[in-house]
Amino acid sequence: MAGILYLCPTPIGNLKDISERVKETLGLVDLIAAEDTRNSLKLMNAYDIHVPMTSYHEYNKTQKAYVLLDKLKEGADIALISDAGTPGISDPGEVLVRMCYEEGIRVTSLPGPCACITALTLSGLSTRRFCFEGFLPAEKKERNEILEDLKREYRTIVLYEAPHHLKNTLSELAEVLGEERKIALCRELTKKFEEVLKMTLKEATIFYEQNEPKGEFVLVIEGIDRNEEKESIKSDWLETDIVEHMNIYLEKGMDKKEAMKAVARDRGISKSDVYKALL
């Protein structure tokens, strides 16, 4: 009978945040796959857990996944942990999970700490709808594409960032999203010196030009206001001649009736007003 893969969240700062269920599971499995075994050894020693560990990280995520799958097929129960937080969120765990499902291996996820949710609830920004981007990609073209997507994002945005990249990232965000966009910069979450700085992107850029960033950051950024965006789009269209506006839709293959409806919507006027203007 095949074993089970357990996704076990670990504390993101305060060691007391580990759950009793996670501690029990880590003590009962046959093997613990850890992002950094040296870092995880401190946690194991703190809770007197003596289970063999093996490394599973970004640079061996596919090759090592096959090794772990073989062990699971042989009946071994394996716990997957990241350096901090919930495995599978911005770490290579998602690769192993997907491969387990492809091979019919049972996977279960234990609830626990997650920096994204902790920061979001601390931010003071809207929590009703949000999008999580994790770390922005290093590759310039892909990074620029994602930033352009975020520029039009209505939901609250959550990003992770390392201290040595923070200044550059804040500068890019201010340039693309706008300097007056609100941001909450969360660091040292759950630790003694936990800090949440609430300001605009412009203020954040200036602040960290004068103060060296320290610790891992979670950036929570407000989305665009839907009503303001609609007014902005309407304002842009009003600068376009109404005949030219109609032709844009007609050239896209719309019939005249649908084009008039689209023009009326864009400009915030009635269809009869469009008809009169065209006459």
C-alpha atoms as a PDB file:
ATOM      1  CA  MET A   1       0.000   0.000   0.000  1.00  0.00           C
ATOM      2  CA  ALA A   2       1.363   3.432  -0.980  1.00  0.00           C
ATOM      3  CA  GLY A   3       2.272   6.003   1.622  1.00  0.00           C
ATOM      4  CA  ILE A   4       0.887   9.505   2.085  1.00  0.00           C
ATOM      5  CA  LEU A   5       2.501  12.871   1.379  1.00  0.00           C
ATOM      6  CA  TYR A   6       1.801  15.307   4.225  1.00  0.00           C
ATOM      7  CA  LEU A   7       2.185  19.052   3.536  1.00  0.00           C
ATOM      8  CA  CYS A   8       3.215  20.452   6.918  1.00  0.00           C
ATOM      9  CA  PRO A   9       3.315  24.229   7.512  1.00  0.00           C
ATOM     10  CA  THR A  10       6.120  25.436   9.762  1.00  0.00           C
ATOM     11  CA  PRO A  11       6.390  28.710  11.738  1.00  0.00           C
ATOM     12  CA  ILE A  12       7.204  31.857   9.750  1.00  0.00           C
ATOM     13  CA  GLY A  13       8.981  33.366  12.743  1.00  0.00           C
ATOM     14  CA  ASN A  14       7.637  32.419  16.148  1.00  0.00           C
ATOM     15  CA  LEU A  15       8.378  28.741  16.892  1.00  0.00           C
ATOM     16  CA  LYS A  16       5.272  28.549  19.103  1.00  0.00           C
ATOM     17  CA  ASP A  17       3.075  28.830  16.018  1.00  0.00           C
ATOM     18  CA  ILE A  18       3.563  25.180  15.049  1.00  0.00           C
ATOM     19  CA  SER A  19       0.365  23.179  15.540  1.00  0.00           C
ATOM     20  CA  GLU A  20       0.058  20.064  17.674  1.00  0.00           C
ATOM     21  CA  ARG A  21      -1.088  18.131  14.608  1.00  0.00           C
ATOM     22  CA  VAL A  22       1.978  19.161  12.593  1.00  0.00           C
ATOM     23  CA  LYS A  23       4.302  18.212  15.475  1.00  0.00           C
ATOM     24  CA  GLU A  24       2.601  14.834  15.806  1.00  0.00           C
ATOM     25  CA  THR A  25       2.749  14.195  12.044  1.00  0.00           C
ATOM     26  CA  LEU A  26       6.434  15.148  11.796  1.00  0.00           C
ATOM     27  CA  GLY A  27       7.189  12.697  14.583  1.00  0.00           C
ATOM     28  CA  LEU A  28       5.272   9.810  12.981  1.00  0.00           C
ATOM     29  CA  VAL A  29       6.292   9.945   9.292  1.00  0.00           C
ATOM     30  CA  ASP A  30       9.141   7.865   7.869  1.00  0.00           C
ATOM     31  CA  LEU A  31      10.920  10.760   6.181  1.00  0.00           C
ATOM     32  CA  ILE A  32      10.873  14.573   6.177  1.00  0.00           C
ATOM     33  CA  ALA A  33      11.640  16.355   2.900  1.00  0.00           C
ATOM     34  CA  ALA A  34      12.919  19.820   3.825  1.00  0.00           C
ATOM     35  CA  GLU A  35      13.808  22.848   1.733  1.00  0.00           C
ATOM     36  CA  ASP A  36      16.947  23.363   3.864  1.00  0.00           C
ATOM     37  CA  THR A  37      17.797  20.523   6.226  1.00  0.00           C
ATOM     38  CA  ARG A  38      20.207  22.680   8.253  1.00  0.00           C
ATOM     39  CA  ASN A  39      17.539  25.295   8.884  1.00  0.00           C
ATOM     40  CA  SER A  40      14.853  22.693   9.630  1.00  0.00           C
ATOM     41  CA  LEU A  41      17.123  20.859  12.068  1.00  0.00           C
ATOM     42  CA  LYS A  42      16.687  23.760  14.516  1.00  0.00           C
ATOM     43  CA  LEU A  43      12.925  23.241  14.452  1.00  0.00           C
ATOM     44  CA  MET A  44      13.274  19.467  14.872  1.00  0.00           C
ATOM     45  CA  ASN A  45      15.621  19.913  17.843  1.00  0.00           C
ATOM     46  CA  ALA A  46      13.262  22.438  19.438  1.00  0.00           C
ATOM     47  CA  TYR A  47      10.469  19.839  19.441  1.00  0.00           C
ATOM     48  CA  ASP A  48      12.573  16.734  20.004  1.00  0.00           C
ATOM     49  CA  ILE A  49      11.692  15.244  16.609  1.00  0.00           C
ATOM     50  CA  HIS A  50      14.180  12.637  15.393  1.00  0.00           C
ATOM     51  CA  VAL A  51      13.049  11.561  11.924  1.00  0.00           C
ATOM     52  CA  PRO A  52      15.440  11.236   8.957  1.00  0.00           C
ATOM     53  CA  MET A  53      15.491  14.306   6.711  1.00  0.00           C
ATOM     54  CA  THR A  54      16.351  14.764   3.054  1.00  0.00           C
ATOM     55  CA  SER A  55      16.703  17.948   1.001  1.00  0.00           C
ATOM     56  CA  TYR A  56      14.031  18.972  -1.470  1.00  0.00           C
ATOM     57  CA  HIS A  57      14.546  22.425  -2.965  1.00  0.00           C
ATOM     58  CA  GLU A  58      14.305  24.543  -6.121  1.00  0.00           C
ATOM     59  CA  TYR A  59      17.438  23.081  -7.697  1.00  0.00           C
ATOM     60  CA  ASN A  60      16.558  19.388  -7.308  1.00  0.00           C
ATOM     61  CA  LYS A  61      12.738  19.617  -7.307  1.00  0.00           C
ATOM     62  CA  THR A  62      12.126  17.385 -10.339  1.00  0.00           C
ATOM     63  CA  GLN A  63      14.940  14.863  -9.979  1.00  0.00           C
ATOM     64  CA  LYS A  64      14.370  14.433  -6.242  1.00  0.00           C
ATOM     65  CA  ALA A  65      10.600  14.199  -6.723  1.00  0.00           C
ATOM     66  CA  TYR A  66      11.094  10.874  -8.557  1.00  0.00           C
ATOM     67  CA  VAL A  67      13.139   9.565  -5.604  1.00  0.00           C
ATOM     68  CA  LEU A  68      10.438  10.601  -3.139  1.00  0.00           C
ATOM     69  CA  LEU A  69       7.711   9.111  -5.333  1.00  0.00           C
ATOM     70  CA  ASP A  70       9.481   5.745  -5.304  1.00  0.00           C
ATOM     71  CA  LYS A  71       9.580   5.833  -1.493  1.00  0.00           C
ATOM     72  CA  LEU A  72       5.889   6.744  -1.327  1.00  0.00           C
ATOM     73  CA  LYS A  73       5.030   3.873  -3.690  1.00  0.00           C
ATOM     74  CA  GLU A  74       6.943   1.530  -1.387  1.00  0.00           C
ATOM     75  CA  GLY A  75       4.684   2.586   1.488  1.00  0.00           C
ATOM     76  CA  ALA A  76       6.691   5.318   3.203  1.00  0.00           C
ATOM     77  CA  ASP A  77       4.832   8.289   4.667  1.00  0.00           C
ATOM     78  CA  ILE A  78       6.636  11.566   3.896  1.00  0.00           C
ATOM     79  CA  ALA A  79       6.220  15.050   5.356  1.00  0.00           C
ATOM     80  CA  LEU A  80       7.097  17.988   3.133  1.00  0.00           C
ATOM     81  CA  ILE A  81       8.177  21.234   4.828  1.00  0.00           C
ATOM     82  CA  SER A  82       9.543  24.541   3.568  1.00  0.00           C
ATOM     83  CA  ASP A  83      11.909  26.871   5.416  1.00  0.00           C
ATOM     84  CA  ALA A  84       8.901  28.765   6.741  1.00  0.00           C
ATOM     85  CA  GLY A  85       5.175  28.728   6.093  1.00  0.00           C
ATOM     86  CA  THR A  86       3.036  26.407   4.002  1.00  0.00           C
ATOM     87  CA  PRO A  87       4.822  24.167   1.468  1.00  0.00           C
ATOM     88  CA  GLY A  88       3.626  24.559  -2.107  1.00  0.00           C
ATOM     89  CA  ILE A  89       3.251  28.344  -1.765  1.00  0.00           C
ATOM     90  CA  SER A  90       6.130  30.010  -3.636  1.00  0.00           C
ATOM     91  CA  ASP A  91       8.310  26.953  -3.205  1.00  0.00           C
ATOM     92  CA  PRO A  92       8.994  23.743  -5.164  1.00  0.00           C
ATOM     93  CA  GLY A  93       6.423  21.686  -3.265  1.00  0.00           C
ATOM     94  CA  GLU A  94       3.831  22.253  -5.994  1.00  0.00           C
ATOM     95  CA  VAL A  95       5.917  20.097  -8.376  1.00  0.00           C
ATOM     96  CA  LEU A  96       5.946  17.123  -6.008  1.00  0.00           C
ATOM     97  CA  VAL A  97       2.214  17.481  -5.275  1.00  0.00           C
ATOM     98  CA  ARG A  98       1.353  17.465  -8.973  1.00  0.00           C
ATOM     99  CA  MET A  99       3.508  14.394  -9.605  1.00  0.00           C
ATOM    100  CA  CYS A 100       1.894  12.585  -6.662  1.00  0.00           C
ATOM    101  CA  TYR A 101      -1.567  13.118  -8.135  1.00  0.00           C
ATOM    102  CA  GLU A 102      -0.358  11.911 -11.518  1.00  0.00           C
ATOM    103  CA  GLU A 103       0.868   8.703  -9.851  1.00  0.00           C
ATOM    104  CA  GLY A 104      -2.229   8.204  -7.685  1.00  0.00           C
ATOM    105  CA  ILE A 105      -0.422   8.983  -4.425  1.00  0.00           C
ATOM    106  CA  ARG A 106      -2.573  10.444  -1.655  1.00  0.00           C
ATOM    107  CA  VAL A 107      -1.712  14.000  -0.570  1.00  0.00           C
ATOM    108  CA  THR A 108      -3.060  15.828   2.467  1.00  0.00           C
ATOM    109  CA  SER A 109      -2.371  19.397   3.582  1.00  0.00           C
ATOM    110  CA  LEU A 110      -2.351  20.430   7.230  1.00  0.00           C
ATOM    111  CA  PRO A 111      -3.470  23.980   8.061  1.00  0.00           C
ATOM    112  CA  GLY A 112      -0.952  26.365   9.514  1.00  0.00           C
ATOM    113  CA  PRO A 113       1.160  29.529   9.133  1.00  0.00           C
ATOM    114  CA  CYS A 114       1.288  31.368   5.812  1.00  0.00           C
ATOM    115  CA  ALA A 115       3.043  34.745   5.448  1.00  0.00           C
ATOM    116  CA  CYS A 116       0.694  35.828   2.653  1.00  0.00           C
ATOM    117  CA  ILE A 117      -2.460  35.572   4.790  1.00  0.00           C
ATOM    118  CA  THR A 118      -0.792  36.948   7.929  1.00  0.00           C
ATOM    119  CA  ALA A 119       0.390  40.059   6.066  1.00  0.00           C
ATOM    120  CA  LEU A 120      -2.918  40.538   4.255  1.00  0.00           C
ATOM    121  CA  THR A 121      -4.897  40.591   7.490  1.00  0.00           C
ATOM    122  CA  LEU A 122      -2.385  43.021   9.050  1.00  0.00           C
ATOM    123  CA  SER A 123      -2.306  45.391   6.083  1.00  0.00           C
ATOM    124  CA  GLY A 124      -5.478  47.360   6.722  1.00  0.00           C
ATOM    125  CA  LEU A 125      -6.254  47.071   3.001  1.00  0.00           C
ATOM    126  CA  SER A 126      -9.245  45.247   1.526  1.00  0.00           C
ATOM    127  CA  THR A 127      -9.197  41.511   2.280  1.00  0.00           C
ATOM    128  CA  ARG A 128     -12.426  40.670   0.433  1.00  0.00           C
ATOM    129  CA  ARG A 129     -10.644  39.922  -2.844  1.00  0.00           C
ATOM    130  CA  PHE A 130      -6.916  39.568  -3.341  1.00  0.00           C
ATOM    131  CA  CYS A 131      -4.362  38.098  -5.736  1.00  0.00           C
ATOM    132  CA  PHE A 132      -1.073  36.498  -4.726  1.00  0.00           C
ATOM    133  CA  GLU A 133       1.936  36.815  -7.039  1.00  0.00           C
ATOM    134  CA  GLY A 134       4.672  35.491  -4.737  1.00  0.00           C
ATOM    135  CA  PHE A 135       8.116  36.612  -5.926  1.00  0.00           C
ATOM    136  CA  LEU A 136       8.144  38.571  -9.176  1.00  0.00           C
ATOM    137  CA  PRO A 137      10.149  36.723 -11.867  1.00  0.00           C
ATOM    138  CA  ALA A 138      13.768  37.781 -12.421  1.00  0.00           C
ATOM    139  CA  GLU A 139      13.527  37.553 -16.213  1.00  0.00           C
ATOM    140  CA  LYS A 140      12.905  41.116 -17.443  1.00  0.00           C
ATOM    141  CA  LYS A 141      10.293  40.467 -20.146  1.00  0.00           C
ATOM    142  CA  GLU A 142       8.108  38.209 -17.976  1.00  0.00           C
ATOM    143  CA  ARG A 143       8.503  40.601 -15.030  1.00  0.00           C
ATOM    144  CA  ASN A 144       7.352  43.579 -17.105  1.00  0.00           C
ATOM    145  CA  GLU A 145       4.348  41.627 -18.398  1.00  0.00           C
ATOM    146  CA  ILE A 146       3.242  40.747 -14.865  1.00  0.00           C
ATOM    147  CA  LEU A 147       3.714  44.339 -13.668  1.00  0.00           C
ATOM    148  CA  GLU A 148       1.546  45.556 -16.550  1.00  0.00           C
ATOM    149  CA  ASP A 149      -1.135  43.031 -15.549  1.00  0.00           C
ATOM    150  CA  LEU A 150      -0.970  44.243 -11.934  1.00  0.00           C
ATOM    151  CA  LYS A 151      -1.401  47.823 -13.111  1.00  0.00           C
ATOM    152  CA  ARG A 152      -5.009  46.953 -14.022  1.00  0.00           C
ATOM    153  CA  GLU A 153      -5.670  44.684 -11.015  1.00  0.00           C
ATOM    154  CA  TYR A 154      -8.779  45.582  -8.970  1.00  0.00           C
ATOM    155  CA  ARG A 155      -7.980  43.168  -6.145  1.00  0.00           C
ATOM    156  CA  THR A 156      -5.490  43.727  -3.318  1.00  0.00           C
ATOM    157  CA  ILE A 157      -2.054  42.487  -4.461  1.00  0.00           C
ATOM    158  CA  VAL A 158       0.303  40.421  -2.282  1.00  0.00           C
ATOM    159  CA  LEU A 159       3.991  39.987  -3.183  1.00  0.00           C
ATOM    160  CA  TYR A 160       7.035  38.480  -1.489  1.00  0.00           C
ATOM    161  CA  GLU A 161      10.424  40.195  -1.702  1.00  0.00           C
ATOM    162  CA  ALA A 162      13.956  39.711  -0.346  1.00  0.00           C
ATOM    163  CA  PRO A 163      15.671  42.695   1.323  1.00  0.00           C
ATOM    164  CA  HIS A 164      18.430  43.014  -1.305  1.00  0.00           C
ATOM    165  CA  HIS A 165      15.841  43.380  -4.094  1.00  0.00           C
ATOM    166  CA  LEU A 166      13.348  45.582  -2.252  1.00  0.00           C
ATOM    167  CA  LYS A 167      14.557  49.023  -3.396  1.00  0.00           C
ATOM    168  CA  ASN A 168      14.508  48.054  -7.058  1.00  0.00           C
ATOM    169  CA  THR A 169      11.089  46.395  -6.768  1.00  0.00           C
ATOM    170  CA  LEU A 170       9.534  49.403  -5.012  1.00  0.00           C
ATOM    171  CA  SER A 171      10.937  51.703  -7.703  1.00  0.00           C
ATOM    172  CA  GLU A 172       9.426  49.515 -10.458  1.00  0.00           C
ATOM    173  CA  LEU A 173       6.068  49.290  -8.689  1.00  0.00           C
ATOM    174  CA  ALA A 174       5.917  53.063  -8.232  1.00  0.00           C
ATOM    175  CA  GLU A 175       6.713  53.614 -11.895  1.00  0.00           C
ATOM    176  CA  VAL A 176       4.168  51.115 -13.243  1.00  0.00           C
ATOM    177  CA  LEU A 177       1.348  51.201 -10.682  1.00  0.00           C
ATOM    178  CA  GLY A 178       1.625  54.861  -9.767  1.00  0.00           C
ATOM    179  CA  GLU A 179       3.435  56.657  -6.948  1.00  0.00           C
ATOM    180  CA  GLU A 180       0.279  57.328  -4.929  1.00  0.00           C
ATOM    181  CA  ARG A 181      -0.814  53.681  -4.729  1.00  0.00           C
ATOM    182  CA  LYS A 182      -1.069  52.596  -1.066  1.00  0.00           C
ATOM    183  CA  ILE A 183       1.179  49.811   0.226  1.00  0.00           C
ATOM    184  CA  ALA A 184       1.696  47.982   3.510  1.00  0.00           C
ATOM    185  CA  LEU A 185       5.241  46.653   3.955  1.00  0.00           C
ATOM    186  CA  CYS A 186       5.239  43.764   6.420  1.00  0.00           C
ATOM    187  CA  ARG A 187       8.440  42.308   7.876  1.00  0.00           C
ATOM    188  CA  GLU A 188       9.548  40.121  10.788  1.00  0.00           C
ATOM    189  CA  LEU A 189       6.036  38.669  10.878  1.00  0.00           C
ATOM    190  CA  THR A 190       5.105  36.921  14.155  1.00  0.00           C
ATOM    191  CA  LYS A 191       8.498  37.866  15.658  1.00  0.00           C
ATOM    192  CA  LYS A 192       9.296  40.246  18.518  1.00  0.00           C
ATOM    193  CA  PHE A 193      10.053  43.178  16.215  1.00  0.00           C
ATOM    194  CA  GLU A 194       7.197  42.627  13.790  1.00  0.00           C
ATOM    195  CA  GLU A 195       6.676  45.758  11.689  1.00  0.00           C
ATOM    196  CA  VAL A 196       3.970  46.980   9.315  1.00  0.00           C
ATOM    197  CA  LEU A 197       4.672  50.258   7.486  1.00  0.00           C
ATOM    198  CA  LYS A 198       1.701  51.829   5.697  1.00  0.00           C
ATOM    199  CA  MET A 199       2.476  54.480   3.080  1.00  0.00           C
ATOM    200  CA  THR A 200       2.354  55.239  -0.629  1.00  0.00           C
ATOM    201  CA  LEU A 201       4.729  53.626  -3.115  1.00  0.00           C
ATOM    202  CA  LYS A 202       6.495  56.973  -3.508  1.00  0.00           C
ATOM    203  CA  GLU A 203       6.979  57.292   0.254  1.00  0.00           C
ATOM    204  CA  ALA A 204       8.163  53.675   0.496  1.00  0.00           C
ATOM    205  CA  THR A 205      10.717  54.206  -2.273  1.00  0.00           C
ATOM    206  CA  ILE A 206      12.124  57.281  -0.510  1.00  0.00           C
ATOM    207  CA  PHE A 207      12.066  55.605   2.911  1.00  0.00           C
ATOM    208  CA  TYR A 208      14.136  52.630   1.794  1.00  0.00           C
ATOM    209  CA  GLU A 209      16.595  54.817  -0.098  1.00  0.00           C
ATOM    210  CA  GLN A 210      17.382  56.253   3.330  1.00  0.00           C
ATOM    211  CA  ASN A 211      16.990  53.079   5.416  1.00  0.00           C
ATOM    212  CA  GLU A 212      18.584  49.731   4.561  1.00  0.00           C
ATOM    213  CA  PRO A 213      15.928  46.972   4.249  1.00  0.00           C
ATOM    214  CA  LYS A 214      16.305  44.079   6.683  1.00  0.00           C
ATOM    215  CA  GLY A 215      14.402  40.781   6.808  1.00  0.00           C
ATOM    216  CA  GLU A 216      12.030  39.128   4.365  1.00  0.00           C
ATOM    217  CA  PHE A 217       9.172  41.349   3.189  1.00  0.00           C
ATOM    218  CA  VAL A 218       5.549  40.794   2.276  1.00  0.00           C
ATOM    219  CA  LEU A 219       4.211  43.683   0.204  1.00  0.00           C
ATOM    220  CA  VAL A 220       0.447  44.280   0.270  1.00  0.00           C
ATOM    221  CA  ILE A 221      -0.671  46.790  -2.349  1.00  0.00           C
ATOM    222  CA  GLU A 222      -4.127  48.255  -2.946  1.00  0.00           C
ATOM    223  CA  GLY A 223      -5.841  47.463  -6.234  1.00  0.00           C
ATOM    224  CA  ILE A 224      -7.216  50.162  -8.501  1.00  0.00           C
ATOM    225  CA  ASP A 225     -10.605  51.664  -7.667  1.00  0.00           C
ATOM    226  CA  ARG A 226     -13.128  50.216 -10.103  1.00  0.00           C
ATOM    227  CA  ASN A 227     -15.198  53.415 -10.287  1.00  0.00           C
ATOM    228  CA  GLU A 228     -12.125  55.612 -10.773  1.00  0.00           C
ATOM    229  CA  GLU A 229     -10.914  53.298 -13.525  1.00  0.00           C
ATOM    230  CA  LYS A 230     -14.276  53.513 -15.297  1.00  0.00           C
ATOM    231  CA  GLU A 231     -14.152  57.310 -15.129  1.00  0.00           C
ATOM    232  CA  SER A 232     -10.583  57.303 -16.421  1.00  0.00           C
ATOM    233  CA  ILE A 233     -11.517  55.071 -19.375  1.00  0.00           C
ATOM    234  CA  LYS A 234     -14.564  57.237 -20.113  1.00  0.00           C
ATOM    235  CA  SER A 235     -12.384  60.348 -20.014  1.00  0.00           C
ATOM    236  CA  ASP A 236      -9.945  58.793 -22.486  1.00  0.00           C
ATOM    237  CA  TRP A 237     -12.759  57.921 -24.900  1.00  0.00           C
ATOM    238  CA  LEU A 238     -14.262  61.400 -24.694  1.00  0.00           C
ATOM    239  CA  GLU A 239     -11.071  62.732 -26.270  1.00  0.00           C
ATOM    240  CA  THR A 240     -11.792  60.533 -29.322  1.00  0.00           C
ATOM    241  CA  ASP A 241     -14.194  61.723 -32.024  1.00  0.00           C
ATOM    242  CA  ILE A 242     -17.418  59.704 -31.847  1.00  0.00           C
ATOM    243  CA  VAL A 243     -17.234  58.679 -35.522  1.00  0.00           C
ATOM    244  CA  GLU A 244     -13.655  57.469 -35.029  1.00  0.00           C
ATOM    245  CA  HIS A 245     -14.807  55.658 -31.880  1.00  0.00           C
ATOM    246  CA  MET A 246     -17.525  53.862 -33.883  1.00  0.00           C
ATOM    247  CA  ASN A 247     -15.061  52.918 -36.623  1.00  0.00           C
ATOM    248  CA  ILE A 248     -12.765  51.237 -34.092  1.00  0.00           C
ATOM    249  CA  TYR A 249     -15.526  48.732 -33.281  1.00  0.00           C
ATOM    250  CA  LEU A 250     -16.753  48.380 -36.847  1.00  0.00           C
ATOM    251  CA  GLU A 251     -13.214  47.502 -37.962  1.00  0.00           C
ATOM    252  CA  LYS A 252     -13.181  44.773 -35.311  1.00  0.00           C
ATOM    253  CA  GLY A 253     -16.157  43.157 -37.080  1.00  0.00           C
ATOM    254  CA  MET A 254     -19.021  44.404 -34.899  1.00  0.00           C
ATOM    255  CA  ASP A 255     -22.290  45.249 -36.609  1.00  0.00           C
ATOM    256  CA  LYS A 256     -23.510  48.844 -36.370  1.00  0.00           C
ATOM    257  CA  LYS A 257     -26.023  48.156 -33.575  1.00  0.00           C
ATOM    258  CA  GLU A 258     -23.475  46.421 -31.327  1.00  0.00           C
ATOM    259  CA  ALA A 259     -20.852  49.076 -32.089  1.00  0.00           C
ATOM    260  CA  MET A 260     -23.251  51.845 -31.045  1.00  0.00           C
ATOM    261  CA  LYS A 261     -23.999  49.987 -27.806  1.00  0.00           C
ATOM    262  CA  ALA A 262     -20.255  49.642 -27.077  1.00  0.00           C
ATOM    263  CA  VAL A 263     -19.609  53.328 -27.812  1.00  0.00           C
ATOM    264  CA  ALA A 264     -22.481  54.360 -25.515  1.00  0.00           C
ATOM    265  CA  ARG A 265     -21.072  52.167 -22.720  1.00  0.00           C
ATOM    266  CA  ASP A 266     -17.537  53.515 -23.130  1.00  0.00           C
ATOM    267  CA  ARG A 267     -18.644  57.143 -23.075  1.00  0.00           C
ATOM    268  CA  GLY A 268     -21.307  56.806 -20.379  1.00  0.00           C
ATOM    269  CA  ILE A 269     -24.089  58.074 -22.653  1.00  0.00           C
ATOM    270  CA  SER A 270     -27.256  56.584 -24.128  1.00  0.00           C
ATOM    271  CA  LYS A 271     -27.431  54.758 -27.459  1.00  0.00           C
ATOM    272  CA  SER A 272     -29.802  57.445 -28.773  1.00  0.00           C
ATOM    273  CA  ASP A 273     -27.160  60.082 -27.984  1.00  0.00           C
ATOM    274  CA  VAL A 274     -24.676  58.109 -30.084  1.00  0.00           C
ATOM    275  CA  TYR A 275     -27.216  57.891 -32.905  1.00  0.00           C
ATOM    276  CA  LYS A 276     -27.885  61.641 -32.814  1.00  0.00           C
ATOM    277  CA  ALA A 277     -24.161  62.451 -32.811  1.00  0.00           C
ATOM    278  CA  LEU A 278     -23.575  60.215 -35.842  1.00  0.00           C
ATOM    279  CA  LEU A 279     -26.404  61.940 -37.722  1.00  0.00           C
END
